[in-house]
């Protein structure tokens, strides 16, 4: 009996891994600048939010996503609410794709992710430049979009494996 309780507790804890990863990634704000790769950075929260909003929307709540955006704004010094709005727009695009898709396909999701991050980053850029007068580097921004797009495929594959292992008994996956 206690082994089964421990097993179900551990499985329940594993369902919170995407949410924990989201908060760790927005508070960490890692770059590879210490490796002297100037334009190599990617936006892991974009990948995480898009994938989990697309595949298993109940894993990350919209309120948690917005709060994670607020933490991200505090961490990187943006005006409050800009990242939260950006993250919720990504959720909206993922929800739209989830509702119109009959057969999920990783390549189609990946291409729609490119459209999503281009649109969301342009909205984010417009807000930061026109309203808040924050200077941004175009090369860093394009590098970030490019590497975020490339790494989505890898992380989506890893998240698919995680989904199959953790939620194998659940038919909603």
Protein backbone atom coordinates (compact mmCIF):
# COMPACT_ATOMS: atom_id res chain seq x y z
CA UNK A 1 0.00 0.00 0.00
CA UNK A 2 2.70 2.52 0.93
CA UNK A 3 4.71 1.64 -2.18
CA UNK A 4 1.70 2.45 -4.32
CA UNK A 5 1.16 5.74 -2.47
CA UNK A 6 4.81 6.68 -2.99
CA UNK A 7 4.57 5.72 -6.64
CA UNK A 8 1.42 7.82 -7.20
CA UNK A 9 2.98 10.75 -5.29
CA UNK A 10 6.09 10.57 -7.46
CA UNK A 11 3.97 10.38 -10.62
CA UNK A 12 1.93 13.39 -9.43
CA UNK A 13 5.16 15.26 -8.75
CA UNK A 14 6.37 14.46 -12.28
CA UNK A 15 3.31 16.21 -13.71
CA UNK A 16 4.61 19.48 -12.25
CA UNK A 17 7.99 19.28 -14.01
CA UNK A 18 6.93 21.58 -16.92
CA UNK A 19 5.74 24.24 -14.47
CA UNK A 20 8.92 23.98 -12.42
CA UNK A 21 11.01 24.18 -15.59
CA UNK A 22 9.11 27.30 -16.65
CA UNK A 23 9.79 29.17 -13.43
CA UNK A 24 13.42 28.05 -13.28
CA UNK A 25 13.98 29.14 -16.88
CA UNK A 26 12.43 32.60 -16.47
CA UNK A 27 14.32 33.28 -13.26
CA UNK A 28 17.60 31.95 -14.61
CA UNK A 29 17.66 33.85 -17.95
CA UNK A 30 20.71 31.97 -19.13
CA UNK A 31 22.79 32.93 -22.12
CA UNK A 32 25.97 31.49 -23.49
CA UNK A 33 27.84 34.77 -23.34
CA UNK A 34 30.36 33.30 -20.91
CA UNK A 35 31.35 30.87 -23.65
CA UNK A 36 32.16 33.81 -25.96
CA UNK A 37 29.31 32.96 -28.34
CA UNK A 38 27.97 36.45 -28.74
CA UNK A 39 24.82 35.80 -30.76
CA UNK A 40 24.02 32.32 -29.51
CA UNK A 41 20.99 32.45 -27.27
CA UNK A 42 17.57 30.92 -27.38
CA UNK A 43 14.33 31.53 -25.56
CA UNK A 44 13.58 28.33 -23.68
CA UNK A 45 10.34 29.66 -22.12
CA UNK A 46 8.94 30.19 -25.64
CA UNK A 47 9.66 26.55 -26.49
CA UNK A 48 8.29 25.29 -23.20
CA UNK A 49 5.10 27.36 -23.27
CA UNK A 50 4.34 26.63 -26.92
CA UNK A 51 4.89 22.88 -26.61
CA UNK A 52 2.94 22.37 -23.40
CA UNK A 53 0.11 24.67 -24.47
CA UNK A 54 -0.11 22.70 -27.68
CA UNK A 55 0.18 19.15 -26.35
CA UNK A 56 -1.13 19.28 -22.79
CA UNK A 57 -2.62 22.66 -21.97
CA UNK A 58 -3.57 21.72 -18.41
CA UNK A 59 0.09 21.26 -17.46
CA UNK A 60 0.71 25.01 -17.44
CA UNK A 61 -2.13 27.28 -16.37
CA UNK A 62 -2.54 30.65 -18.03
CA UNK A 63 -2.26 32.38 -14.67
CA UNK A 64 1.03 30.63 -13.94
CA UNK A 65 2.30 31.54 -17.39
CA UNK A 66 1.46 35.21 -16.86
CA UNK A 67 3.11 35.20 -13.41
CA UNK A 68 6.18 33.57 -14.95
CA UNK A 69 6.18 36.44 -17.46
CA UNK A 70 6.15 38.94 -14.60
CA UNK A 71 9.12 37.16 -13.03
CA UNK A 72 10.88 37.28 -16.40
CA UNK A 73 10.25 41.02 -16.67
CA UNK A 74 11.76 41.55 -13.24
CA UNK A 75 14.75 39.34 -14.05
CA UNK A 76 15.70 41.02 -17.33
CA UNK A 77 14.50 44.53 -16.52
CA UNK A 78 11.61 44.90 -18.94
CA UNK A 79 8.45 46.85 -18.03
CA UNK A 80 6.03 44.66 -16.08
CA UNK A 81 3.56 42.73 -18.19
CA UNK A 82 5.43 42.71 -21.52
CA UNK A 83 6.72 39.14 -21.18
CA UNK A 84 3.43 37.99 -19.67
CA UNK A 85 1.58 39.34 -22.70
CA UNK A 86 4.12 37.70 -24.99
CA UNK A 87 3.73 34.35 -23.25
CA UNK A 88 -0.07 34.54 -23.40
CA UNK A 89 0.09 35.31 -27.12
CA UNK A 90 2.17 32.16 -27.58
CA UNK A 91 -0.51 30.25 -25.67
CA UNK A 92 -3.14 31.70 -27.97
CA UNK A 93 -1.30 30.60 -31.09
CA UNK A 94 -0.77 27.12 -29.64
CA UNK A 95 -4.44 26.84 -28.68
CA UNK A 96 -5.45 27.88 -32.18
CA UNK A 97 -3.20 25.26 -33.76
CA UNK A 98 -4.42 22.61 -31.32
CA UNK A 99 -8.04 23.33 -32.27
CA UNK A 100 -7.57 23.28 -36.05
CA UNK A 101 -5.23 20.29 -36.23
CA UNK A 102 -6.70 16.91 -37.03
CA UNK A 103 -3.44 14.95 -36.97
CA UNK A 104 -0.59 16.38 -34.94
CA UNK A 105 2.70 16.45 -36.82
CA UNK A 106 6.00 17.65 -35.36
CA UNK A 107 7.14 19.34 -38.57
CA UNK A 108 3.86 21.27 -38.96
CA UNK A 109 4.00 22.31 -35.31
CA UNK A 110 7.60 23.40 -35.82
CA UNK A 111 6.76 25.56 -38.84
CA UNK A 112 3.82 27.15 -37.04
CA UNK A 113 6.16 27.78 -34.11
CA UNK A 114 8.38 29.81 -36.44
CA UNK A 115 5.40 31.93 -37.47
CA UNK A 116 4.40 32.28 -33.81
CA UNK A 117 7.78 33.45 -32.55
CA UNK A 118 8.19 35.84 -35.47
CA UNK A 119 4.82 37.42 -34.77
CA UNK A 120 5.19 37.48 -30.98
CA UNK A 121 8.74 38.81 -31.11
CA UNK A 122 7.68 41.56 -33.50
CA UNK A 123 4.87 42.59 -31.12
CA UNK A 124 7.32 42.47 -28.22
CA UNK A 125 9.86 44.49 -30.21
CA UNK A 126 7.24 47.07 -31.21
CA UNK A 127 6.15 47.53 -27.59
CA UNK A 128 9.69 47.88 -26.28
CA UNK A 129 10.86 50.27 -29.00
CA UNK A 130 7.85 52.52 -29.55
CA UNK A 131 6.22 52.72 -26.14
CA UNK A 132 9.06 52.13 -23.71
CA UNK A 133 12.01 53.39 -25.83
CA UNK A 134 14.23 50.44 -24.99
CA UNK A 135 17.18 49.86 -27.33
CA UNK A 136 17.50 46.38 -28.83
CA UNK A 137 20.18 44.73 -30.91
CA UNK A 138 18.78 43.37 -34.19
CA UNK A 139 21.49 40.74 -34.58
CA UNK A 140 20.96 39.33 -31.11
CA UNK A 141 17.21 39.31 -31.69
CA UNK A 142 17.51 37.46 -35.02
CA UNK A 143 20.01 35.01 -33.55
CA UNK A 144 17.66 34.35 -30.65
CA UNK A 145 14.74 33.70 -33.01
CA UNK A 146 16.83 31.42 -35.21
CA UNK A 147 18.21 29.30 -32.37
CA UNK A 148 14.85 29.18 -30.59
CA UNK A 149 13.33 27.85 -33.81
CA UNK A 150 16.08 25.25 -34.23
CA UNK A 151 15.99 24.04 -30.65
CA UNK A 152 12.22 23.60 -30.67
CA UNK A 153 12.56 20.43 -32.71
CA UNK A 154 15.04 18.92 -30.26
CA UNK A 155 13.10 19.88 -27.15
CA UNK A 156 9.79 18.78 -28.66
CA UNK A 157 11.27 15.36 -29.27
CA UNK A 158 12.52 15.20 -25.67
CA UNK A 159 9.19 16.43 -24.31
CA UNK A 160 7.38 13.79 -26.39
CA UNK A 161 9.48 11.11 -24.71
CA UNK A 162 8.70 12.64 -21.32
CA UNK A 163 4.97 12.71 -22.14
CA UNK A 164 4.98 9.05 -23.10
CA UNK A 165 6.80 8.05 -19.92
CA UNK A 166 4.86 10.13 -17.43
CA UNK A 167 1.37 10.06 -18.93
CA UNK A 168 1.42 6.60 -20.50
CA UNK A 169 -1.74 5.46 -18.73
CA UNK A 170 -3.69 8.64 -19.53
CA UNK A 171 -5.71 8.65 -22.75
CA UNK A 172 -5.77 12.46 -22.96
CA UNK A 173 -2.18 12.61 -24.26
